[in-house]
Amino acid sequence: MSMGMNILTYYLLSINFITWVAYGLDKGRAKKGKWRIQERTLLILTAAGGSVGALAGMLLFRHKTKKAKFVVGVPVMLVAHCVITAAAVQWLMK
């Protein structure tokens, strides 16, 4: 595997883990009535490549599943990230 592929792999694993943790923390804080992570921050993490982690967090923690910008936005970003990642892999394989 090339160095570029390693960087892409580690980045995607990291951003998705961080995003998943953020969704879980926010859900936990919501249940306890504590300080919350801003929706904007959750969406930025999702847009930065964490769409798989966001979707997993939404489903696992049952969080943000009634908000249209998440229910629609996260899957749309996931599709976009799949296309971008496939293109990046093709480019890195050359």
PDB file of N, CA and C in Angstrom:
ATOM      1  N   MET A   1       0.847  -1.171   0.000  1.00  0.00           N
ATOM      2  CA  MET A   1       0.000   0.000   0.000  1.00  0.00           C
ATOM      3  C   MET A   1       0.899   1.243   0.000  1.00  0.00           C
ATOM      4  N   SER A   2       0.534   2.213  -0.814  1.00  0.00           N
ATOM      5  CA  SER A   2       1.347   3.426  -0.913  1.00  0.00           C
ATOM      6  C   SER A   2       1.164   4.307   0.320  1.00  0.00           C
ATOM      7  N   MET A   3       2.085   5.240   0.484  1.00  0.00           N
ATOM      8  CA  MET A   3       2.009   6.147   1.619  1.00  0.00           C
ATOM      9  C   MET A   3       0.724   6.979   1.568  1.00  0.00           C
ATOM     10  N   GLY A   4       0.320   7.396   0.368  1.00  0.00           N
ATOM     11  CA  GLY A   4      -0.911   8.165   0.219  1.00  0.00           C
ATOM     12  C   GLY A   4      -2.132   7.375   0.651  1.00  0.00           C
ATOM     13  N   MET A   5      -2.146   6.096   0.312  1.00  0.00           N
ATOM     14  CA  MET A   5      -3.267   5.235   0.723  1.00  0.00           C
ATOM     15  C   MET A   5      -3.277   5.070   2.238  1.00  0.00           C
ATOM     16  N   ASN A   6      -2.091   4.929   2.838  1.00  0.00           N
ATOM     17  CA  ASN A   6      -2.010   4.815   4.297  1.00  0.00           C
ATOM     18  C   ASN A   6      -2.554   6.067   4.967  1.00  0.00           C
ATOM     19  N   ILE A   7      -2.174   7.224   4.463  1.00  0.00           N
ATOM     20  CA  ILE A   7      -2.640   8.483   5.035  1.00  0.00           C
ATOM     21  C   ILE A   7      -4.155   8.582   4.916  1.00  0.00           C
ATOM     22  N   LEU A   8      -4.696   8.270   3.743  1.00  0.00           N
ATOM     23  CA  LEU A   8      -6.139   8.316   3.531  1.00  0.00           C
ATOM     24  C   LEU A   8      -6.858   7.356   4.470  1.00  0.00           C
ATOM     25  N   THR A   9      -6.346   6.147   4.595  1.00  0.00           N
ATOM     26  CA  THR A   9      -6.956   5.144   5.466  1.00  0.00           C
ATOM     27  C   THR A   9      -6.961   5.600   6.921  1.00  0.00           C
ATOM     28  N   TYR A  10      -5.815   6.057   7.418  1.00  0.00           N
ATOM     29  CA  TYR A  10      -5.728   6.497   8.806  1.00  0.00           C
ATOM     30  C   TYR A  10      -6.594   7.730   9.056  1.00  0.00           C
ATOM     31  N   TYR A  11      -6.644   8.635   8.080  1.00  0.00           N
ATOM     32  CA  TYR A  11      -7.487   9.822   8.231  1.00  0.00           C
ATOM     33  C   TYR A  11      -8.955   9.420   8.352  1.00  0.00           C
ATOM     34  N   LEU A  12      -9.419   8.572   7.434  1.00  0.00           N
ATOM     35  CA  LEU A  12     -10.827   8.178   7.449  1.00  0.00           C
ATOM     36  C   LEU A  12     -11.185   7.393   8.709  1.00  0.00           C
ATOM     37  N   LEU A  13     -10.308   6.514   9.148  1.00  0.00           N
ATOM     38  CA  LEU A  13     -10.563   5.782  10.395  1.00  0.00           C
ATOM     39  C   LEU A  13     -10.637   6.747  11.575  1.00  0.00           C
ATOM     40  N   SER A  14      -9.719   7.689  11.627  1.00  0.00           N
ATOM     41  CA  SER A  14      -9.673   8.647  12.739  1.00  0.00           C
ATOM     42  C   SER A  14     -10.882   9.563  12.755  1.00  0.00           C
ATOM     43  N   ILE A  15     -11.206  10.204  11.636  1.00  0.00           N
ATOM     44  CA  ILE A  15     -12.306  11.160  11.600  1.00  0.00           C
ATOM     45  C   ILE A  15     -13.639  10.470  11.867  1.00  0.00           C
ATOM     46  N   ASN A  16     -13.797   9.243  11.397  1.00  0.00           N
ATOM     47  CA  ASN A  16     -15.043   8.526  11.647  1.00  0.00           C
ATOM     48  C   ASN A  16     -15.162   8.099  13.108  1.00  0.00           C
ATOM     49  N   PHE A  17     -14.058   7.707  13.722  1.00  0.00           N
ATOM     50  CA  PHE A  17     -14.089   7.367  15.148  1.00  0.00           C
ATOM     51  C   PHE A  17     -14.404   8.604  15.988  1.00  0.00           C
ATOM     52  N   ILE A  18     -13.738   9.713  15.688  1.00  0.00           N
ATOM     53  CA  ILE A  18     -13.975  10.967  16.411  1.00  0.00           C
ATOM     54  C   ILE A  18     -15.431  11.405  16.260  1.00  0.00           C
ATOM     55  N   THR A  19     -15.969  11.311  15.054  1.00  0.00           N
ATOM     56  CA  THR A  19     -17.358  11.703  14.808  1.00  0.00           C
ATOM     57  C   THR A  19     -18.317  10.810  15.572  1.00  0.00           C
ATOM     58  N   TRP A  20     -18.086   9.505  15.548  1.00  0.00           N
ATOM     59  CA  TRP A  20     -18.929   8.558  16.272  1.00  0.00           C
ATOM     60  C   TRP A  20     -18.914   8.861  17.771  1.00  0.00           C
ATOM     61  N   VAL A  21     -17.737   9.128  18.319  1.00  0.00           N
ATOM     62  CA  VAL A  21     -17.613   9.468  19.738  1.00  0.00           C
ATOM     63  C   VAL A  21     -18.363  10.765  20.041  1.00  0.00           C
ATOM     64  N   ALA A  22     -18.248  11.760  19.155  1.00  0.00           N
ATOM     65  CA  ALA A  22     -18.931  13.047  19.362  1.00  0.00           C
ATOM     66  C   ALA A  22     -20.446  12.861  19.415  1.00  0.00           C
ATOM     67  N   TYR A  23     -20.992  12.051  18.519  1.00  0.00           N
ATOM     68  CA  TYR A  23     -22.437  11.794  18.527  1.00  0.00           C
ATOM     69  C   TYR A  23     -22.837  11.078  19.820  1.00  0.00           C
ATOM     70  N   GLY A  24     -22.031  10.137  20.268  1.00  0.00           N
ATOM     71  CA  GLY A  24     -22.315   9.425  21.514  1.00  0.00           C
ATOM     72  C   GLY A  24     -22.240  10.337  22.727  1.00  0.00           C
ATOM     73  N   LEU A  25     -21.209  11.181  22.773  1.00  0.00           N
ATOM     74  CA  LEU A  25     -21.087  12.128  23.882  1.00  0.00           C
ATOM     75  C   LEU A  25     -22.270  13.084  23.909  1.00  0.00           C
ATOM     76  N   ASP A  26     -22.653  13.587  22.743  1.00  0.00           N
ATOM     77  CA  ASP A  26     -23.762  14.532  22.681  1.00  0.00           C
ATOM     78  C   ASP A  26     -25.056  13.878  23.145  1.00  0.00           C
ATOM     79  N   LYS A  27     -25.281  12.648  22.769  1.00  0.00           N
ATOM     80  CA  LYS A  27     -26.492  11.944  23.204  1.00  0.00           C
ATOM     81  C   LYS A  27     -26.476  11.756  24.724  1.00  0.00           C
ATOM     82  N   GLY A  28     -25.334  11.359  25.245  1.00  0.00           N
ATOM     83  CA  GLY A  28     -25.213  11.185  26.698  1.00  0.00           C
ATOM     84  C   GLY A  28     -25.462  12.478  27.451  1.00  0.00           C
ATOM     85  N   ARG A  29     -24.934  13.567  26.933  1.00  0.00           N
ATOM     86  CA  ARG A  29     -25.127  14.869  27.569  1.00  0.00           C
ATOM     87  C   ARG A  29     -26.579  15.325  27.446  1.00  0.00           C
ATOM     88  N   ALA A  30     -27.210  14.994  26.326  1.00  0.00           N
ATOM     89  CA  ALA A  30     -28.616  15.373  26.135  1.00  0.00           C
ATOM     90  C   ALA A  30     -29.488  14.664  27.173  1.00  0.00           C
ATOM     91  N   LYS A  31     -29.205  13.409  27.430  1.00  0.00           N
ATOM     92  CA  LYS A  31     -29.985  12.648  28.413  1.00  0.00           C
ATOM     93  C   LYS A  31     -29.847  13.229  29.813  1.00  0.00           C
ATOM     94  N   LYS A  32     -28.649  13.763  30.116  1.00  0.00           N
ATOM     95  CA  LYS A  32     -28.376  14.291  31.458  1.00  0.00           C
ATOM     96  C   LYS A  32     -28.668  15.785  31.577  1.00  0.00           C
ATOM     97  N   GLY A  33     -29.111  16.407  30.490  1.00  0.00           N
ATOM     98  CA  GLY A  33     -29.409  17.834  30.523  1.00  0.00           C
ATOM     99  C   GLY A  33     -28.169  18.699  30.675  1.00  0.00           C
ATOM    100  N   LYS A  34     -27.028  18.208  30.213  1.00  0.00           N
ATOM    101  CA  LYS A  34     -25.761  18.930  30.328  1.00  0.00           C
ATOM    102  C   LYS A  34     -25.445  19.688  29.046  1.00  0.00           C
ATOM    103  N   TRP A  35     -24.293  20.380  29.084  1.00  0.00           N
ATOM    104  CA  TRP A  35     -23.772  21.124  27.940  1.00  0.00           C
ATOM    105  C   TRP A  35     -23.689  20.203  26.737  1.00  0.00           C
ATOM    106  N   ARG A  36     -24.096  20.714  25.583  1.00  0.00           N
ATOM    107  CA  ARG A  36     -24.182  19.911  24.361  1.00  0.00           C
ATOM    108  C   ARG A  36     -23.135  20.317  23.344  1.00  0.00           C
ATOM    109  N   ILE A  37     -22.830  19.414  22.450  1.00  0.00           N
ATOM    110  CA  ILE A  37     -21.987  19.708  21.296  1.00  0.00           C
ATOM    111  C   ILE A  37     -22.887  20.383  20.266  1.00  0.00           C
ATOM    112  N   GLN A  38     -22.434  21.481  19.702  1.00  0.00           N
ATOM    113  CA  GLN A  38     -23.254  22.207  18.734  1.00  0.00           C
ATOM    114  C   GLN A  38     -23.540  21.339  17.509  1.00  0.00           C
ATOM    115  N   GLU A  39     -24.761  21.481  16.979  1.00  0.00           N
ATOM    116  CA  GLU A  39     -25.121  20.753  15.755  1.00  0.00           C
ATOM    117  C   GLU A  39     -24.148  21.085  14.639  1.00  0.00           C
ATOM    118  N   ARG A  40     -23.740  22.335  14.581  1.00  0.00           N
ATOM    119  CA  ARG A  40     -22.782  22.765  13.552  1.00  0.00           C
ATOM    120  C   ARG A  40     -21.491  21.946  13.630  1.00  0.00           C
ATOM    121  N   THR A  41     -21.014  21.710  14.848  1.00  0.00           N
ATOM    122  CA  THR A  41     -19.790  20.919  15.038  1.00  0.00           C
ATOM    123  C   THR A  41     -19.996  19.488  14.567  1.00  0.00           C
ATOM    124  N   LEU A  42     -21.127  18.900  14.911  1.00  0.00           N
ATOM    125  CA  LEU A  42     -21.414  17.532  14.469  1.00  0.00           C
ATOM    126  C   LEU A  42     -21.461  17.455  12.942  1.00  0.00           C
ATOM    127  N   LEU A  43     -22.067  18.452  12.311  1.00  0.00           N
ATOM    128  CA  LEU A  43     -22.155  18.459  10.849  1.00  0.00           C
ATOM    129  C   LEU A  43     -20.796  18.727  10.192  1.00  0.00           C
ATOM    130  N   ILE A  44     -19.968  19.538  10.826  1.00  0.00           N
ATOM    131  CA  ILE A  44     -18.614  19.780  10.293  1.00  0.00           C
ATOM    132  C   ILE A  44     -17.796  18.493  10.346  1.00  0.00           C
ATOM    133  N   LEU A  45     -17.873  17.774  11.461  1.00  0.00           N
ATOM    134  CA  LEU A  45     -17.170  16.487  11.564  1.00  0.00           C
ATOM    135  C   LEU A  45     -17.670  15.510  10.499  1.00  0.00           C
ATOM    136  N   THR A  46     -18.982  15.513  10.286  1.00  0.00           N
ATOM    137  CA  THR A  46     -19.573  14.646   9.266  1.00  0.00           C
ATOM    138  C   THR A  46     -19.051  15.023   7.886  1.00  0.00           C
ATOM    139  N   ALA A  47     -19.061  16.306   7.580  1.00  0.00           N
ATOM    140  CA  ALA A  47     -18.617  16.788   6.265  1.00  0.00           C
ATOM    141  C   ALA A  47     -17.119  16.588   6.050  1.00  0.00           C
ATOM    142  N   ALA A  48     -16.355  16.565   7.128  1.00  0.00           N
ATOM    143  CA  ALA A  48     -14.903  16.403   7.033  1.00  0.00           C
ATOM    144  C   ALA A  48     -14.495  14.968   6.733  1.00  0.00           C
ATOM    145  N   GLY A  49     -15.464  14.105   6.492  1.00  0.00           N
ATOM    146  CA  GLY A  49     -15.162  12.717   6.149  1.00  0.00           C
ATOM    147  C   GLY A  49     -15.720  11.723   7.143  1.00  0.00           C
ATOM    148  N   GLY A  50     -16.413  12.214   8.163  1.00  0.00           N
ATOM    149  CA  GLY A  50     -16.919  11.333   9.205  1.00  0.00           C
ATOM    150  C   GLY A  50     -18.350  10.865   9.015  1.00  0.00           C
ATOM    151  N   SER A  51     -18.772  10.733   7.778  1.00  0.00           N
ATOM    152  CA  SER A  51     -20.168  10.364   7.519  1.00  0.00           C
ATOM    153  C   SER A  51     -20.506   8.946   7.982  1.00  0.00           C
ATOM    154  N   VAL A  52     -19.581   8.040   7.892  1.00  0.00           N
ATOM    155  CA  VAL A  52     -19.836   6.666   8.364  1.00  0.00           C
ATOM    156  C   VAL A  52     -19.990   6.667   9.885  1.00  0.00           C
ATOM    157  N   GLY A  53     -19.108   7.385  10.568  1.00  0.00           N
ATOM    158  CA  GLY A  53     -19.201   7.497  12.024  1.00  0.00           C
ATOM    159  C   GLY A  53     -20.472   8.204  12.454  1.00  0.00           C
ATOM    160  N   ALA A  54     -20.874   9.229  11.689  1.00  0.00           N
ATOM    161  CA  ALA A  54     -22.100   9.962  12.001  1.00  0.00           C
ATOM    162  C   ALA A  54     -23.319   9.054  11.855  1.00  0.00           C
ATOM    163  N   LEU A  55     -23.384   8.330  10.754  1.00  0.00           N
ATOM    164  CA  LEU A  55     -24.521   7.435  10.534  1.00  0.00           C
ATOM    165  C   LEU A  55     -24.551   6.334  11.589  1.00  0.00           C
ATOM    166  N   ALA A  56     -23.393   5.790  11.905  1.00  0.00           N
ATOM    167  CA  ALA A  56     -23.323   4.757  12.950  1.00  0.00           C
ATOM    168  C   ALA A  56     -23.765   5.331  14.294  1.00  0.00           C
ATOM    169  N   GLY A  57     -23.335   6.546  14.601  1.00  0.00           N
ATOM    170  CA  GLY A  57     -23.733   7.195  15.852  1.00  0.00           C
ATOM    171  C   GLY A  57     -25.215   7.483  15.894  1.00  0.00           C
ATOM    172  N   MET A  58     -25.756   7.941  14.782  1.00  0.00           N
ATOM    173  CA  MET A  58     -27.196   8.214  14.719  1.00  0.00           C
ATOM    174  C   MET A  58     -28.000   6.940  14.987  1.00  0.00           C
ATOM    175  N   LEU A  59     -27.588   5.854  14.361  1.00  0.00           N
ATOM    176  CA  LEU A  59     -28.332   4.594  14.490  1.00  0.00           C
ATOM    177  C   LEU A  59     -28.097   3.926  15.840  1.00  0.00           C
ATOM    178  N   LEU A  60     -26.858   3.869  16.278  1.00  0.00           N
ATOM    179  CA  LEU A  60     -26.524   3.182  17.526  1.00  0.00           C
ATOM    180  C   LEU A  60     -27.057   3.932  18.745  1.00  0.00           C
ATOM    181  N   PHE A  61     -26.885   5.258  18.753  1.00  0.00           N
ATOM    182  CA  PHE A  61     -27.293   6.051  19.907  1.00  0.00           C
ATOM    183  C   PHE A  61     -28.704   6.629  19.753  1.00  0.00           C
ATOM    184  N   ARG A  62     -29.336   6.376  18.607  1.00  0.00           N
ATOM    185  CA  ARG A  62     -30.654   6.953  18.294  1.00  0.00           C
ATOM    186  C   ARG A  62     -30.627   8.458  18.543  1.00  0.00           C
ATOM    187  N   HIS A  63     -29.684   9.094  17.876  1.00  0.00           N
ATOM    188  CA  HIS A  63     -29.437  10.515  18.097  1.00  0.00           C
ATOM    189  C   HIS A  63     -29.574  11.295  16.798  1.00  0.00           C
ATOM    190  N   LYS A  64     -30.270  12.410  16.849  1.00  0.00           N
ATOM    191  CA  LYS A  64     -30.487  13.315  15.720  1.00  0.00           C
ATOM    192  C   LYS A  64     -31.284  12.638  14.606  1.00  0.00           C
ATOM    193  N   THR A  65     -32.104  11.667  14.962  1.00  0.00           N
ATOM    194  CA  THR A  65     -32.863  10.922  13.960  1.00  0.00           C
ATOM    195  C   THR A  65     -34.193  11.586  13.598  1.00  0.00           C
ATOM    196  N   LYS A  66     -34.514  12.693  14.230  1.00  0.00           N
ATOM    197  CA  LYS A  66     -35.745  13.412  13.900  1.00  0.00           C
ATOM    198  C   LYS A  66     -35.456  14.767  13.269  1.00  0.00           C
ATOM    199  N   LYS A  67     -34.196  15.069  13.077  1.00  0.00           N
ATOM    200  CA  LYS A  67     -33.800  16.351  12.489  1.00  0.00           C
ATOM    201  C   LYS A  67     -33.478  16.127  11.017  1.00  0.00           C
ATOM    202  N   ALA A  68     -34.219  16.817  10.158  1.00  0.00           N
ATOM    203  CA  ALA A  68     -34.092  16.615   8.707  1.00  0.00           C
ATOM    204  C   ALA A  68     -32.670  16.856   8.203  1.00  0.00           C
ATOM    205  N   LYS A  69     -31.994  17.870   8.755  1.00  0.00           N
ATOM    206  CA  LYS A  69     -30.646  18.146   8.246  1.00  0.00           C
ATOM    207  C   LYS A  69     -29.680  17.005   8.536  1.00  0.00           C
ATOM    208  N   PHE A  70     -29.979  16.181   9.522  1.00  0.00           N
ATOM    209  CA  PHE A  70     -29.157  15.008   9.793  1.00  0.00           C
ATOM    210  C   PHE A  70     -29.674  13.786   9.034  1.00  0.00           C
ATOM    211  N   VAL A  71     -30.978  13.568   9.063  1.00  0.00           N
ATOM    212  CA  VAL A  71     -31.582  12.400   8.410  1.00  0.00           C
ATOM    213  C   VAL A  71     -31.327  12.418   6.907  1.00  0.00           C
ATOM    214  N   VAL A  72     -31.340  13.601   6.310  1.00  0.00           N
ATOM    215  CA  VAL A  72     -31.070  13.741   4.874  1.00  0.00           C
ATOM    216  C   VAL A  72     -29.591  14.011   4.630  1.00  0.00           C
ATOM    217  N   GLY A  73     -29.024  14.928   5.406  1.00  0.00           N
ATOM    218  CA  GLY A  73     -27.649  15.377   5.173  1.00  0.00           C
ATOM    219  C   GLY A  73     -26.585  14.315   5.343  1.00  0.00           C
ATOM    220  N   VAL A  74     -26.702  13.514   6.384  1.00  0.00           N
ATOM    221  CA  VAL A  74     -25.673  12.494   6.647  1.00  0.00           C
ATOM    222  C   VAL A  74     -25.617  11.456   5.522  1.00  0.00           C
ATOM    223  N   PRO A  75     -26.741  10.868   5.090  1.00  0.00           N
ATOM    224  CA  PRO A  75     -26.653   9.921   3.969  1.00  0.00           C
ATOM    225  C   PRO A  75     -26.158  10.561   2.671  1.00  0.00           C
ATOM    226  N   VAL A  76     -26.552  11.812   2.415  1.00  0.00           N
ATOM    227  CA  VAL A  76     -26.058  12.503   1.214  1.00  0.00           C
ATOM    228  C   VAL A  76     -24.543  12.662   1.288  1.00  0.00           C
ATOM    229  N   MET A  77     -24.049  13.056   2.460  1.00  0.00           N
ATOM    230  CA  MET A  77     -22.589  13.187   2.621  1.00  0.00           C
ATOM    231  C   MET A  77     -21.899  11.838   2.515  1.00  0.00           C
ATOM    232  N   LEU A  78     -22.548  10.780   2.991  1.00  0.00           N
ATOM    233  CA  LEU A  78     -21.965   9.438   2.885  1.00  0.00           C
ATOM    234  C   LEU A  78     -21.784   9.045   1.421  1.00  0.00           C
ATOM    235  N   VAL A  79     -22.795   9.287   0.607  1.00  0.00           N
ATOM    236  CA  VAL A  79     -22.686   8.980  -0.830  1.00  0.00           C
ATOM    237  C   VAL A  79     -21.572   9.815  -1.459  1.00  0.00           C
ATOM    238  N   ALA A  80     -21.547  11.099  -1.141  1.00  0.00           N
ATOM    239  CA  ALA A  80     -20.496  11.976  -1.683  1.00  0.00           C
ATOM    240  C   ALA A  80     -19.112  11.488  -1.245  1.00  0.00           C
ATOM    241  N   HIS A  81     -18.976  11.094   0.012  1.00  0.00           N
ATOM    242  CA  HIS A  81     -17.684  10.608   0.502  1.00  0.00           C
ATOM    243  C   HIS A  81     -17.275   9.303  -0.179  1.00  0.00           C
ATOM    244  N   CYS A  82     -18.231   8.447  -0.477  1.00  0.00           N
ATOM    245  CA  CYS A  82     -17.917   7.203  -1.201  1.00  0.00           C
ATOM    246  C   CYS A  82     -17.366   7.519  -2.593  1.00  0.00           C
ATOM    247  N   VAL A  83     -17.999   8.459  -3.278  1.00  0.00           N
ATOM    248  CA  VAL A  83     -17.544   8.849  -4.615  1.00  0.00           C
ATOM    249  C   VAL A  83     -16.153   9.483  -4.542  1.00  0.00           C
ATOM    250  N   ILE A  84     -15.968  10.394  -3.595  1.00  0.00           N
ATOM    251  CA  ILE A  84     -14.674  11.077  -3.435  1.00  0.00           C
ATOM    252  C   ILE A  84     -13.586  10.076  -3.064  1.00  0.00           C
ATOM    253  N   THR A  85     -13.893   9.163  -2.155  1.00  0.00           N
ATOM    254  CA  THR A  85     -12.902   8.166  -1.733  1.00  0.00           C
ATOM    255  C   THR A  85     -12.545   7.230  -2.881  1.00  0.00           C
ATOM    256  N   ALA A  86     -13.532   6.801  -3.645  1.00  0.00           N
ATOM    257  CA  ALA A  86     -13.256   5.932  -4.802  1.00  0.00           C
ATOM    258  C   ALA A  86     -12.354   6.653  -5.805  1.00  0.00           C
ATOM    259  N   ALA A  87     -12.633   7.928  -6.045  1.00  0.00           N
ATOM    260  CA  ALA A  87     -11.795   8.705  -6.969  1.00  0.00           C
ATOM    261  C   ALA A  87     -10.384   8.863  -6.411  1.00  0.00           C
ATOM    262  N   ALA A  88     -10.274   9.106  -5.111  1.00  0.00           N
ATOM    263  CA  ALA A  88      -8.953   9.259  -4.485  1.00  0.00           C
ATOM    264  C   ALA A  88      -8.155   7.964  -4.558  1.00  0.00           C
ATOM    265  N   VAL A  89      -8.828   6.841  -4.329  1.00  0.00           N
ATOM    266  CA  VAL A  89      -8.152   5.536  -4.395  1.00  0.00           C
ATOM    267  C   VAL A  89      -7.654   5.278  -5.828  1.00  0.00           C
ATOM    268  N   GLN A  90      -8.503   5.566  -6.806  1.00  0.00           N
ATOM    269  CA  GLN A  90      -8.083   5.401  -8.215  1.00  0.00           C
ATOM    270  C   GLN A  90      -6.864   6.256  -8.522  1.00  0.00           C
ATOM    271  N   TRP A  91      -6.896   7.499  -8.046  1.00  0.00           N
ATOM    272  CA  TRP A  91      -5.777   8.417  -8.300  1.00  0.00           C
ATOM    273  C   TRP A  91      -4.515   7.948  -7.595  1.00  0.00           C
ATOM    274  N   LEU A  92      -4.647   7.472  -6.360  1.00  0.00           N
ATOM    275  CA  LEU A  92      -3.481   7.031  -5.595  1.00  0.00           C
ATOM    276  C   LEU A  92      -2.906   5.722  -6.121  1.00  0.00           C
ATOM    277  N   MET A  93      -3.704   4.920  -6.800  1.00  0.00           N
ATOM    278  CA  MET A  93      -3.250   3.644  -7.319  1.00  0.00           C
ATOM    279  C   MET A  93      -2.419   3.797  -8.593  1.00  0.00           C
ATOM    280  N   LYS A  94      -2.470   4.959  -9.212  1.00  0.00           N
ATOM    281  CA  LYS A  94      -1.720   5.172 -10.468  1.00  0.00           C
ATOM    282  C   LYS A  94      -0.240   5.255 -10.218  1.00  0.00           C
TER     283      LYS A  94
END
